[in-house]
Amino acid sequence: MHEDLEKSLFLARREKELAQRLEGKLEFTIQLLKKAHEKSIELAEILGKEKKDVDKLERLSLTGLFAAVLGTKEKKLEKERQEYLGAKLKYDASQKLIHELKKEISMLEEQMSLLQNIEEKYQQLLKKKEEVLKTKQGTASRELFIIAEEEGKLASRGKELQEAEEAAQKVMQSLGDLLGTLNSAANWGVWDMLGGGLISTAIKHSKIDDAREQIIVVQQNLNWLERELTDIKIYTDLGIDIGALASFADYFFDGLIADWVVQSRINEAEKRTQELQGQVEVIWHSVKSQLNEITKKASKLIQDKRLLIEQSTIYNS
């Protein structure tokens, strides 16, 4: 009887803690969506302004004619097109982020709907536990329940750390893919500088296009990692700049711009990616270390409980 109660309470506790984590993630994701909407509006205004600047120079306006006569129109037009493309890349990325955040919010809300009454269920089981403890004169029952409480806390912490570890691994994988693409772009860029011709130029730009798509994936994975780290507060202990993680994509869209990209930009992008990869590896190792400690503590609790049960007749009473 007591064993069944303990199992039910353990499961209810885990579901309750899961509901709390989901609620925290939902609130965090809603805030991200709000910021993404605000940024998207800002980027749309910038995009509109850049488009007007390009159109203004492309039209045969009085300003355009003077610029053409002075031999500066093409240079100005190229510069405006670069700025327009950079603004468009950022705006498109913000729209993809909004779409992904909305999907995640729907998923979290669906998961939470399955745990609506878990708090009431948990409190009822907790009350039963208190009643059982009052009927027991010995210490075995209390010790078993104390162990069970600790097991629940460790299980919850372990789950949070596992989720953070998975998020860190996903970021490292996507960063590895991005580094591979940037390295290939850099190699083709060198060949292009040595006179590789149209083929090397085309391949280099193709790799940069691939990198821009991968950057969006990296940023989405970084957002996921940031949410998981918020649960365990681990990055504050490591001195990791979460702001740098959150703005990773902006750095690239300011630098890697289609046909105007130069070799130095590719090299800078590689360096920045490697630096971020190092930061995420520090996070991953720290999470892994804490997860190993949790596993050791949980294993010891299992041994303590088994020994206590062997020496007690609580479940036969």
C-alpha atoms as a PDB file:
ATOM      1  CA  MET A   1       0.000   0.000   0.000  1.00  0.00           C
ATOM      2  CA  HIS A   2       2.704   2.452   1.042  1.00  0.00           C
ATOM      3  CA  GLU A   3       4.840   1.437  -1.910  1.00  0.00           C
ATOM      4  CA  ASP A   4       2.006   2.236  -4.333  1.00  0.00           C
ATOM      5  CA  LEU A   5       1.484   5.596  -2.652  1.00  0.00           C
ATOM      6  CA  GLU A   6       5.179   6.350  -2.945  1.00  0.00           C
ATOM      7  CA  LYS A   7       5.235   5.507  -6.650  1.00  0.00           C
ATOM      8  CA  SER A   8       2.145   7.614  -7.320  1.00  0.00           C
ATOM      9  CA  LEU A   9       3.611  10.540  -5.424  1.00  0.00           C
ATOM     10  CA  PHE A  10       6.911  10.213  -7.259  1.00  0.00           C
ATOM     11  CA  LEU A  11       5.183  10.276 -10.657  1.00  0.00           C
ATOM     12  CA  ALA A  12       2.907  13.143  -9.643  1.00  0.00           C
ATOM     13  CA  ARG A  13       5.900  15.126  -8.408  1.00  0.00           C
ATOM     14  CA  ARG A  14       7.698  14.651 -11.715  1.00  0.00           C
ATOM     15  CA  GLU A  15       4.622  15.706 -13.679  1.00  0.00           C
ATOM     16  CA  LYS A  16       4.209  18.744 -11.429  1.00  0.00           C
ATOM     17  CA  GLU A  17       7.832  19.770 -11.972  1.00  0.00           C
ATOM     18  CA  LEU A  18       7.442  19.159 -15.707  1.00  0.00           C
ATOM     19  CA  ALA A  19       4.405  21.451 -15.732  1.00  0.00           C
ATOM     20  CA  GLN A  20       6.429  24.129 -13.942  1.00  0.00           C
ATOM     21  CA  ARG A  21       9.276  23.822 -16.456  1.00  0.00           C
ATOM     22  CA  LEU A  22       6.860  23.997 -19.360  1.00  0.00           C
ATOM     23  CA  GLU A  23       5.232  27.080 -17.879  1.00  0.00           C
ATOM     24  CA  GLY A  24       8.625  28.747 -17.515  1.00  0.00           C
ATOM     25  CA  LYS A  25       9.582  27.860 -21.083  1.00  0.00           C
ATOM     26  CA  LEU A  26       6.247  29.111 -22.375  1.00  0.00           C
ATOM     27  CA  GLU A  27       6.653  32.471 -20.640  1.00  0.00           C
ATOM     28  CA  PHE A  28      10.222  32.753 -21.915  1.00  0.00           C
ATOM     29  CA  THR A  29       9.203  31.856 -25.476  1.00  0.00           C
ATOM     30  CA  ILE A  30       6.324  34.328 -25.430  1.00  0.00           C
ATOM     31  CA  GLN A  31       8.800  37.036 -24.415  1.00  0.00           C
ATOM     32  CA  LEU A  32      11.097  35.966 -27.263  1.00  0.00           C
ATOM     33  CA  LEU A  33       8.176  36.168 -29.684  1.00  0.00           C
ATOM     34  CA  LYS A  34       7.274  39.641 -28.432  1.00  0.00           C
ATOM     35  CA  LYS A  35      10.858  40.816 -28.943  1.00  0.00           C
ATOM     36  CA  ALA A  36      10.968  39.121 -32.358  1.00  0.00           C
ATOM     37  CA  HIS A  37       7.799  40.966 -33.423  1.00  0.00           C
ATOM     38  CA  GLU A  38       9.206  44.294 -32.240  1.00  0.00           C
ATOM     39  CA  LYS A  39      12.480  43.650 -34.044  1.00  0.00           C
ATOM     40  CA  SER A  40      10.632  42.561 -37.188  1.00  0.00           C
ATOM     41  CA  ILE A  41       8.701  45.851 -37.271  1.00  0.00           C
ATOM     42  CA  GLU A  42      11.956  47.753 -36.862  1.00  0.00           C
ATOM     43  CA  LEU A  43      13.634  45.722 -39.605  1.00  0.00           C
ATOM     44  CA  ALA A  44      10.648  46.220 -41.927  1.00  0.00           C
ATOM     45  CA  GLU A  45      11.018  49.991 -41.546  1.00  0.00           C
ATOM     46  CA  ILE A  46      14.758  49.783 -42.265  1.00  0.00           C
ATOM     47  CA  LEU A  47      14.087  47.533 -45.269  1.00  0.00           C
ATOM     48  CA  GLY A  48      11.548  49.983 -46.640  1.00  0.00           C
ATOM     49  CA  LYS A  49      13.985  52.864 -46.251  1.00  0.00           C
ATOM     50  CA  GLU A  50      16.807  50.959 -47.963  1.00  0.00           C
ATOM     51  CA  LYS A  51      14.483  50.006 -50.828  1.00  0.00           C
ATOM     52  CA  LYS A  52      13.538  53.654 -51.341  1.00  0.00           C
ATOM     53  CA  ASP A  53      17.211  54.614 -51.413  1.00  0.00           C
ATOM     54  CA  VAL A  54      17.923  52.030 -54.118  1.00  0.00           C
ATOM     55  CA  ASP A  55      14.866  53.042 -56.156  1.00  0.00           C
ATOM     56  CA  LYS A  56      15.817  56.685 -55.841  1.00  0.00           C
ATOM     57  CA  LEU A  57      19.235  56.107 -57.353  1.00  0.00           C
ATOM     58  CA  GLU A  58      17.946  53.737 -60.033  1.00  0.00           C
ATOM     59  CA  ARG A  59      15.449  56.321 -61.297  1.00  0.00           C
ATOM     60  CA  LEU A  60      16.714  59.101 -63.523  1.00  0.00           C
ATOM     61  CA  SER A  61      16.086  61.735 -60.910  1.00  0.00           C
ATOM     62  CA  LEU A  62      17.954  65.018 -60.809  1.00  0.00           C
ATOM     63  CA  THR A  63      20.114  63.632 -58.005  1.00  0.00           C
ATOM     64  CA  GLY A  64      20.748  60.506 -60.054  1.00  0.00           C
ATOM     65  CA  LEU A  65      21.769  62.497 -63.115  1.00  0.00           C
ATOM     66  CA  PHE A  66      24.233  64.595 -61.116  1.00  0.00           C
ATOM     67  CA  ALA A  67      25.662  61.419 -59.576  1.00  0.00           C
ATOM     68  CA  ALA A  68      26.034  59.825 -62.984  1.00  0.00           C
ATOM     69  CA  VAL A  69      27.785  62.897 -64.395  1.00  0.00           C
ATOM     70  CA  LEU A  70      30.148  62.954 -61.442  1.00  0.00           C
ATOM     71  CA  GLY A  71      30.867  59.239 -61.878  1.00  0.00           C
ATOM     72  CA  THR A  72      29.604  58.319 -58.420  1.00  0.00           C
ATOM     73  CA  LYS A  73      26.187  56.878 -59.200  1.00  0.00           C
ATOM     74  CA  GLU A  74      27.300  53.269 -59.656  1.00  0.00           C
ATOM     75  CA  LYS A  75      29.340  53.300 -56.465  1.00  0.00           C
ATOM     76  CA  LYS A  76      26.456  54.762 -54.497  1.00  0.00           C
ATOM     77  CA  LEU A  77      24.021  52.318 -56.090  1.00  0.00           C
ATOM     78  CA  GLU A  78      26.240  49.356 -55.217  1.00  0.00           C
ATOM     79  CA  LYS A  79      26.505  50.558 -51.631  1.00  0.00           C
ATOM     80  CA  GLU A  80      22.718  51.046 -51.357  1.00  0.00           C
ATOM     81  CA  ARG A  81      22.077  47.595 -52.810  1.00  0.00           C
ATOM     82  CA  GLN A  82      24.423  46.059 -50.258  1.00  0.00           C
ATOM     83  CA  GLU A  83      22.587  47.813 -47.430  1.00  0.00           C
ATOM     84  CA  TYR A  84      19.228  46.778 -48.876  1.00  0.00           C
ATOM     85  CA  LEU A  85      20.286  43.134 -49.161  1.00  0.00           C
ATOM     86  CA  GLY A  86      21.661  43.147 -45.627  1.00  0.00           C
ATOM     87  CA  ALA A  87      18.348  44.562 -44.338  1.00  0.00           C
ATOM     88  CA  LYS A  88      16.379  41.968 -46.304  1.00  0.00           C
ATOM     89  CA  LEU A  89      18.443  39.082 -44.944  1.00  0.00           C
ATOM     90  CA  LYS A  90      17.777  40.248 -41.395  1.00  0.00           C
ATOM     91  CA  TYR A  91      14.077  40.759 -42.048  1.00  0.00           C
ATOM     92  CA  ASP A  92      13.669  37.320 -43.656  1.00  0.00           C
ATOM     93  CA  ALA A  93      15.507  35.718 -40.732  1.00  0.00           C
ATOM     94  CA  SER A  94      13.219  37.498 -38.259  1.00  0.00           C
ATOM     95  CA  GLN A  95      10.153  36.152 -40.074  1.00  0.00           C
ATOM     96  CA  LYS A  96      11.498  32.598 -39.895  1.00  0.00           C
ATOM     97  CA  LEU A  97      12.199  33.040 -36.191  1.00  0.00           C
ATOM     98  CA  ILE A  98       8.654  34.292 -35.560  1.00  0.00           C
ATOM     99  CA  HIS A  99       7.247  31.280 -37.405  1.00  0.00           C
ATOM    100  CA  GLU A 100       9.353  28.841 -35.343  1.00  0.00           C
ATOM    101  CA  LEU A 101       8.502  30.550 -32.045  1.00  0.00           C
ATOM    102  CA  LYS A 102       4.769  30.381 -32.807  1.00  0.00           C
ATOM    103  CA  LYS A 103       5.107  26.660 -33.527  1.00  0.00           C
ATOM    104  CA  GLU A 104       6.944  26.129 -30.257  1.00  0.00           C
ATOM    105  CA  ILE A 105       4.358  28.089 -28.259  1.00  0.00           C
ATOM    106  CA  SER A 106       1.585  25.913 -29.703  1.00  0.00           C
ATOM    107  CA  MET A 107       3.536  22.773 -28.799  1.00  0.00           C
ATOM    108  CA  LEU A 108       4.177  23.962 -25.230  1.00  0.00           C
ATOM    109  CA  GLU A 109       0.521  24.920 -24.733  1.00  0.00           C
ATOM    110  CA  GLU A 110      -0.554  21.481 -25.959  1.00  0.00           C
ATOM    111  CA  GLN A 111       1.833  19.750 -23.543  1.00  0.00           C
ATOM    112  CA  MET A 112       0.641  21.913 -20.649  1.00  0.00           C
ATOM    113  CA  SER A 113      -3.009  21.108 -21.394  1.00  0.00           C
ATOM    114  CA  LEU A 114      -2.255  17.452 -20.579  1.00  0.00           C
ATOM    115  CA  LEU A 115      -1.067  18.459 -17.087  1.00  0.00           C
ATOM    116  CA  GLN A 116      -3.872  20.829 -16.112  1.00  0.00           C
ATOM    117  CA  ASN A 117      -4.908  19.140 -12.858  1.00  0.00           C
ATOM    118  CA  ILE A 118      -1.516  17.882 -11.747  1.00  0.00           C
ATOM    119  CA  GLU A 119      -1.146  20.366  -8.858  1.00  0.00           C
ATOM    120  CA  GLU A 120      -4.432  19.227  -7.297  1.00  0.00           C
ATOM    121  CA  LYS A 121      -3.482  15.568  -7.741  1.00  0.00           C
ATOM    122  CA  TYR A 122      -0.068  16.149  -6.184  1.00  0.00           C
ATOM    123  CA  GLN A 123      -1.530  17.931  -3.146  1.00  0.00           C
ATOM    124  CA  GLN A 124      -4.003  15.095  -2.565  1.00  0.00           C
ATOM    125  CA  LEU A 125      -1.235  12.499  -2.636  1.00  0.00           C
ATOM    126  CA  LEU A 126       0.911  14.663  -0.381  1.00  0.00           C
ATOM    127  CA  LYS A 127      -1.913  14.808   2.149  1.00  0.00           C
ATOM    128  CA  LYS A 128      -2.175  11.016   2.105  1.00  0.00           C
ATOM    129  CA  LYS A 129       1.537  10.797   2.701  1.00  0.00           C
ATOM    130  CA  GLU A 130       1.265  13.053   5.736  1.00  0.00           C
ATOM    131  CA  GLU A 131      -1.504  10.849   7.127  1.00  0.00           C
ATOM    132  CA  VAL A 132       0.634   7.730   6.686  1.00  0.00           C
ATOM    133  CA  LEU A 133       3.568   9.355   8.440  1.00  0.00           C
ATOM    134  CA  LYS A 134       1.361  10.217  11.420  1.00  0.00           C
ATOM    135  CA  THR A 135       0.404   6.558  11.857  1.00  0.00           C
ATOM    136  CA  LYS A 136       4.011   5.354  11.913  1.00  0.00           C
ATOM    137  CA  GLN A 137       5.906   5.392  15.177  1.00  0.00           C
ATOM    138  CA  GLY A 138       9.238   4.190  13.738  1.00  0.00           C
ATOM    139  CA  THR A 139      11.754   6.105  11.660  1.00  0.00           C
ATOM    140  CA  ALA A 140      11.913   3.767   8.634  1.00  0.00           C
ATOM    141  CA  SER A 141       8.806   5.187   7.005  1.00  0.00           C
ATOM    142  CA  ARG A 142       9.950   8.769   7.423  1.00  0.00           C
ATOM    143  CA  GLU A 143      13.411   7.952   6.104  1.00  0.00           C
ATOM    144  CA  LEU A 144      11.957   6.268   3.017  1.00  0.00           C
ATOM    145  CA  PHE A 145       9.737   9.234   2.281  1.00  0.00           C
ATOM    146  CA  ILE A 146      12.678  11.619   2.768  1.00  0.00           C
ATOM    147  CA  ILE A 147      14.707   9.550   0.300  1.00  0.00           C
ATOM    148  CA  ALA A 148      11.796   9.648  -2.119  1.00  0.00           C
ATOM    149  CA  GLU A 149      11.615  13.439  -1.865  1.00  0.00           C
ATOM    150  CA  GLU A 150      15.326  13.710  -2.613  1.00  0.00           C
ATOM    151  CA  GLU A 151      14.967  11.272  -5.518  1.00  0.00           C
ATOM    152  CA  GLY A 152      12.263  13.487  -6.971  1.00  0.00           C
ATOM    153  CA  LYS A 153      14.426  16.598  -6.729  1.00  0.00           C
ATOM    154  CA  LEU A 154      17.386  14.825  -8.311  1.00  0.00           C
ATOM    155  CA  ALA A 155      15.198  13.445 -11.105  1.00  0.00           C
ATOM    156  CA  SER A 156      13.870  16.923 -11.846  1.00  0.00           C
ATOM    157  CA  ARG A 157      17.334  18.479 -11.840  1.00  0.00           C
ATOM    158  CA  GLY A 158      18.649  15.626 -13.966  1.00  0.00           C
ATOM    159  CA  LYS A 159      15.882  16.178 -16.521  1.00  0.00           C
ATOM    160  CA  GLU A 160      16.709  19.890 -16.765  1.00  0.00           C
ATOM    161  CA  LEU A 161      20.411  19.119 -17.220  1.00  0.00           C
ATOM    162  CA  GLN A 162      19.671  16.478 -19.867  1.00  0.00           C
ATOM    163  CA  GLU A 163      17.595  18.977 -21.827  1.00  0.00           C
ATOM    164  CA  ALA A 164      20.383  21.567 -21.575  1.00  0.00           C
ATOM    165  CA  GLU A 165      22.948  18.970 -22.676  1.00  0.00           C
ATOM    166  CA  GLU A 166      20.835  18.038 -25.709  1.00  0.00           C
ATOM    167  CA  ALA A 167      20.443  21.714 -26.609  1.00  0.00           C
ATOM    168  CA  ALA A 168      24.197  22.327 -26.319  1.00  0.00           C
ATOM    169  CA  GLN A 169      24.934  19.287 -28.486  1.00  0.00           C
ATOM    170  CA  LYS A 170      22.508  20.534 -31.122  1.00  0.00           C
ATOM    171  CA  VAL A 171      24.197  23.942 -31.154  1.00  0.00           C
ATOM    172  CA  MET A 172      27.651  22.359 -31.471  1.00  0.00           C
ATOM    173  CA  GLN A 173      26.455  20.181 -34.333  1.00  0.00           C
ATOM    174  CA  SER A 174      24.980  23.132 -36.232  1.00  0.00           C
ATOM    175  CA  LEU A 175      28.111  25.220 -35.531  1.00  0.00           C
ATOM    176  CA  GLY A 176      30.237  22.375 -36.875  1.00  0.00           C
ATOM    177  CA  ASP A 177      28.157  22.324 -40.060  1.00  0.00           C
ATOM    178  CA  LEU A 178      28.501  26.100 -40.381  1.00  0.00           C
ATOM    179  CA  LEU A 179      32.265  25.967 -39.850  1.00  0.00           C
ATOM    180  CA  GLY A 180      32.577  23.328 -42.558  1.00  0.00           C
ATOM    181  CA  THR A 181      30.684  25.508 -45.013  1.00  0.00           C
ATOM    182  CA  LEU A 182      32.655  28.643 -44.110  1.00  0.00           C
ATOM    183  CA  ASN A 183      35.926  26.758 -44.431  1.00  0.00           C
ATOM    184  CA  SER A 184      34.903  25.582 -47.887  1.00  0.00           C
ATOM    185  CA  ALA A 185      33.899  29.145 -48.828  1.00  0.00           C
ATOM    186  CA  ALA A 186      37.256  30.412 -47.570  1.00  0.00           C
ATOM    187  CA  ASN A 187      39.159  27.837 -49.643  1.00  0.00           C
ATOM    188  CA  TRP A 188      37.224  28.685 -52.786  1.00  0.00           C
ATOM    189  CA  GLY A 189      37.738  32.367 -51.954  1.00  0.00           C
ATOM    190  CA  VAL A 190      41.501  31.903 -51.950  1.00  0.00           C
ATOM    191  CA  TRP A 191      41.295  30.084 -55.279  1.00  0.00           C
ATOM    192  CA  ASP A 192      39.114  32.920 -56.596  1.00  0.00           C
ATOM    193  CA  MET A 193      41.699  35.507 -55.529  1.00  0.00           C
ATOM    194  CA  LEU A 194      44.386  33.546 -57.371  1.00  0.00           C
ATOM    195  CA  GLY A 195      42.410  33.813 -60.583  1.00  0.00           C
ATOM    196  CA  GLY A 196      40.107  30.820 -60.354  1.00  0.00           C
ATOM    197  CA  GLY A 197      37.578  32.423 -62.648  1.00  0.00           C
ATOM    198  CA  LEU A 198      33.793  32.352 -62.785  1.00  0.00           C
ATOM    199  CA  ILE A 199      33.470  28.778 -61.493  1.00  0.00           C
ATOM    200  CA  SER A 200      35.362  29.421 -58.254  1.00  0.00           C
ATOM    201  CA  THR A 201      33.444  32.678 -57.773  1.00  0.00           C
ATOM    202  CA  ALA A 202      30.110  30.922 -58.266  1.00  0.00           C
ATOM    203  CA  ILE A 203      30.996  28.084 -55.862  1.00  0.00           C
ATOM    204  CA  LYS A 204      32.215  30.555 -53.232  1.00  0.00           C
ATOM    205  CA  HIS A 205      28.957  32.480 -53.376  1.00  0.00           C
ATOM    206  CA  SER A 206      26.972  29.239 -53.304  1.00  0.00           C
ATOM    207  CA  LYS A 207      28.773  28.245 -50.093  1.00  0.00           C
ATOM    208  CA  ILE A 208      28.012  31.656 -48.591  1.00  0.00           C
ATOM    209  CA  ASP A 209      24.326  31.200 -49.458  1.00  0.00           C
ATOM    210  CA  ASP A 210      24.447  27.820 -47.670  1.00  0.00           C
ATOM    211  CA  ALA A 211      26.132  29.484 -44.681  1.00  0.00           C
ATOM    212  CA  ARG A 212      23.374  32.090 -44.403  1.00  0.00           C
ATOM    213  CA  GLU A 213      20.759  29.320 -44.170  1.00  0.00           C
ATOM    214  CA  GLN A 214      22.864  27.476 -41.589  1.00  0.00           C
ATOM    215  CA  ILE A 215      23.237  30.661 -39.544  1.00  0.00           C
ATOM    216  CA  ILE A 216      19.458  30.789 -39.118  1.00  0.00           C
ATOM    217  CA  VAL A 217      19.506  27.187 -37.833  1.00  0.00           C
ATOM    218  CA  VAL A 218      22.358  28.024 -35.450  1.00  0.00           C
ATOM    219  CA  GLN A 219      20.424  31.011 -34.082  1.00  0.00           C
ATOM    220  CA  GLN A 220      17.301  28.913 -33.526  1.00  0.00           C
ATOM    221  CA  ASN A 221      19.382  26.324 -31.668  1.00  0.00           C
ATOM    222  CA  LEU A 222      21.019  29.087 -29.601  1.00  0.00           C
ATOM    223  CA  ASN A 223      17.582  30.366 -28.623  1.00  0.00           C
ATOM    224  CA  TRP A 224      16.668  26.852 -27.493  1.00  0.00           C
ATOM    225  CA  LEU A 225      19.907  26.565 -25.508  1.00  0.00           C
ATOM    226  CA  GLU A 226      19.265  29.937 -23.881  1.00  0.00           C
ATOM    227  CA  ARG A 227      15.836  28.742 -22.707  1.00  0.00           C
ATOM    228  CA  GLU A 228      17.330  25.568 -21.216  1.00  0.00           C
ATOM    229  CA  LEU A 229      20.138  27.504 -19.507  1.00  0.00           C
ATOM    230  CA  THR A 230      17.550  29.826 -17.991  1.00  0.00           C
ATOM    231  CA  ASP A 231      16.126  26.764 -16.179  1.00  0.00           C
ATOM    232  CA  ILE A 232      19.440  25.799 -14.586  1.00  0.00           C
ATOM    233  CA  LYS A 233      21.139  29.238 -14.356  1.00  0.00           C
ATOM    234  CA  ILE A 234      24.441  27.657 -15.358  1.00  0.00           C
ATOM    235  CA  TYR A 235      25.762  30.315 -17.742  1.00  0.00           C
ATOM    236  CA  THR A 236      25.918  32.945 -14.995  1.00  0.00           C
ATOM    237  CA  ASP A 237      28.407  30.771 -13.107  1.00  0.00           C
ATOM    238  CA  LEU A 238      30.558  30.397 -16.220  1.00  0.00           C
ATOM    239  CA  GLY A 239      30.609  34.063 -17.168  1.00  0.00           C
ATOM    240  CA  ILE A 240      29.008  33.305 -20.537  1.00  0.00           C
ATOM    241  CA  ASP A 241      27.590  36.324 -22.367  1.00  0.00           C
ATOM    242  CA  ILE A 242      24.095  35.206 -23.313  1.00  0.00           C
ATOM    243  CA  GLY A 243      23.589  38.465 -25.184  1.00  0.00           C
ATOM    244  CA  ALA A 244      26.347  37.400 -27.563  1.00  0.00           C
ATOM    245  CA  LEU A 245      24.537  34.128 -28.197  1.00  0.00           C
ATOM    246  CA  ALA A 246      21.234  35.875 -28.834  1.00  0.00           C
ATOM    247  CA  SER A 247      22.722  38.265 -31.416  1.00  0.00           C
ATOM    248  CA  PHE A 248      24.930  35.766 -33.230  1.00  0.00           C
ATOM    249  CA  ALA A 249      22.940  35.901 -36.490  1.00  0.00           C
ATOM    250  CA  ASP A 250      22.994  39.707 -36.593  1.00  0.00           C
ATOM    251  CA  TYR A 251      26.778  39.663 -36.745  1.00  0.00           C
ATOM    252  CA  PHE A 252      26.748  37.454 -39.813  1.00  0.00           C
ATOM    253  CA  PHE A 253      24.018  39.275 -41.670  1.00  0.00           C
ATOM    254  CA  ASP A 254      25.966  42.499 -41.183  1.00  0.00           C
ATOM    255  CA  GLY A 255      29.041  40.922 -42.765  1.00  0.00           C
ATOM    256  CA  LEU A 256      28.212  38.076 -45.143  1.00  0.00           C
ATOM    257  CA  ILE A 257      26.343  39.780 -47.981  1.00  0.00           C
ATOM    258  CA  ALA A 258      26.009  37.877 -51.276  1.00  0.00           C
ATOM    259  CA  ASP A 259      28.244  38.971 -54.146  1.00  0.00           C
ATOM    260  CA  TRP A 260      29.982  41.733 -52.181  1.00  0.00           C
ATOM    261  CA  VAL A 261      31.543  39.382 -49.671  1.00  0.00           C
ATOM    262  CA  VAL A 262      35.329  39.576 -49.384  1.00  0.00           C
ATOM    263  CA  GLN A 263      37.816  37.044 -48.034  1.00  0.00           C
ATOM    264  CA  SER A 264      38.376  38.945 -44.792  1.00  0.00           C
ATOM    265  CA  ARG A 265      34.652  38.694 -43.990  1.00  0.00           C
ATOM    266  CA  ILE A 266      34.692  34.930 -44.433  1.00  0.00           C
ATOM    267  CA  ASN A 267      37.751  34.625 -42.193  1.00  0.00           C
ATOM    268  CA  GLU A 268      36.129  36.837 -39.548  1.00  0.00           C
ATOM    269  CA  ALA A 269      32.985  34.711 -39.682  1.00  0.00           C
ATOM    270  CA  GLU A 270      35.045  31.548 -39.170  1.00  0.00           C
ATOM    271  CA  LYS A 271      36.808  33.104 -36.185  1.00  0.00           C
ATOM    272  CA  ARG A 272      33.548  34.255 -34.596  1.00  0.00           C
ATOM    273  CA  THR A 273      32.001  30.807 -35.099  1.00  0.00           C
ATOM    274  CA  GLN A 274      35.009  29.096 -33.507  1.00  0.00           C
ATOM    275  CA  GLU A 275      34.821  31.454 -30.522  1.00  0.00           C
ATOM    276  CA  LEU A 276      31.140  30.683 -30.029  1.00  0.00           C
ATOM    277  CA  GLN A 277      31.838  26.977 -30.433  1.00  0.00           C
ATOM    278  CA  GLY A 278      34.373  27.243 -27.594  1.00  0.00           C
ATOM    279  CA  GLN A 279      31.801  28.966 -25.359  1.00  0.00           C
ATOM    280  CA  VAL A 280      29.183  26.315 -26.022  1.00  0.00           C
ATOM    281  CA  GLU A 281      31.702  23.532 -25.352  1.00  0.00           C
ATOM    282  CA  VAL A 282      32.425  25.086 -21.937  1.00  0.00           C
ATOM    283  CA  ILE A 283      28.681  25.073 -21.240  1.00  0.00           C
ATOM    284  CA  TRP A 284      28.352  21.473 -22.428  1.00  0.00           C
ATOM    285  CA  HIS A 285      31.224  20.224 -20.237  1.00  0.00           C
ATOM    286  CA  SER A 286      29.801  22.018 -17.196  1.00  0.00           C
ATOM    287  CA  VAL A 287      26.326  20.579 -17.796  1.00  0.00           C
ATOM    288  CA  LYS A 288      27.804  17.109 -18.337  1.00  0.00           C
ATOM    289  CA  SER A 289      29.791  17.359 -15.088  1.00  0.00           C
ATOM    290  CA  GLN A 290      26.713  18.349 -13.085  1.00  0.00           C
ATOM    291  CA  LEU A 291      24.702  15.578 -14.731  1.00  0.00           C
ATOM    292  CA  ASN A 292      27.325  13.009 -13.697  1.00  0.00           C
ATOM    293  CA  GLU A 293      27.125  14.276 -10.100  1.00  0.00           C
ATOM    294  CA  ILE A 294      23.337  13.950 -10.159  1.00  0.00           C
ATOM    295  CA  THR A 295      23.653  10.382 -11.458  1.00  0.00           C
ATOM    296  CA  LYS A 296      26.073   9.458  -8.649  1.00  0.00           C
ATOM    297  CA  LYS A 297      23.792  10.953  -5.975  1.00  0.00           C
ATOM    298  CA  ALA A 298      20.755   9.173  -7.414  1.00  0.00           C
ATOM    299  CA  SER A 299      22.626   5.861  -7.458  1.00  0.00           C
ATOM    300  CA  LYS A 300      23.601   6.291  -3.807  1.00  0.00           C
ATOM    301  CA  LEU A 301      19.987   7.071  -2.852  1.00  0.00           C
ATOM    302  CA  ILE A 302      18.849   3.865  -4.544  1.00  0.00           C
ATOM    303  CA  GLN A 303      21.385   1.891  -2.519  1.00  0.00           C
ATOM    304  CA  ASP A 304      20.329   3.614   0.714  1.00  0.00           C
ATOM    305  CA  LYS A 305      16.665   2.900   0.012  1.00  0.00           C
ATOM    306  CA  ARG A 306      17.312  -0.742  -0.836  1.00  0.00           C
ATOM    307  CA  LEU A 307      19.288  -1.213   2.399  1.00  0.00           C
ATOM    308  CA  LEU A 308      16.569   0.500   4.447  1.00  0.00           C
ATOM    309  CA  ILE A 309      13.858  -1.686   2.912  1.00  0.00           C
ATOM    310  CA  GLU A 310      15.884  -4.826   3.587  1.00  0.00           C
ATOM    311  CA  GLN A 311      16.213  -3.858   7.250  1.00  0.00           C
ATOM    312  CA  SER A 312      12.592  -2.763   7.658  1.00  0.00           C
ATOM    313  CA  THR A 313       9.148  -4.327   7.566  1.00  0.00           C
ATOM    314  CA  ILE A 314       7.359  -1.103   6.627  1.00  0.00           C
ATOM    315  CA  TYR A 315       5.845  -2.444   3.428  1.00  0.00           C
ATOM    316  CA  ASN A 316       4.559  -5.517   5.225  1.00  0.00           C
ATOM    317  CA  SER A 317       2.805  -3.576   7.971  1.00  0.00           C
END
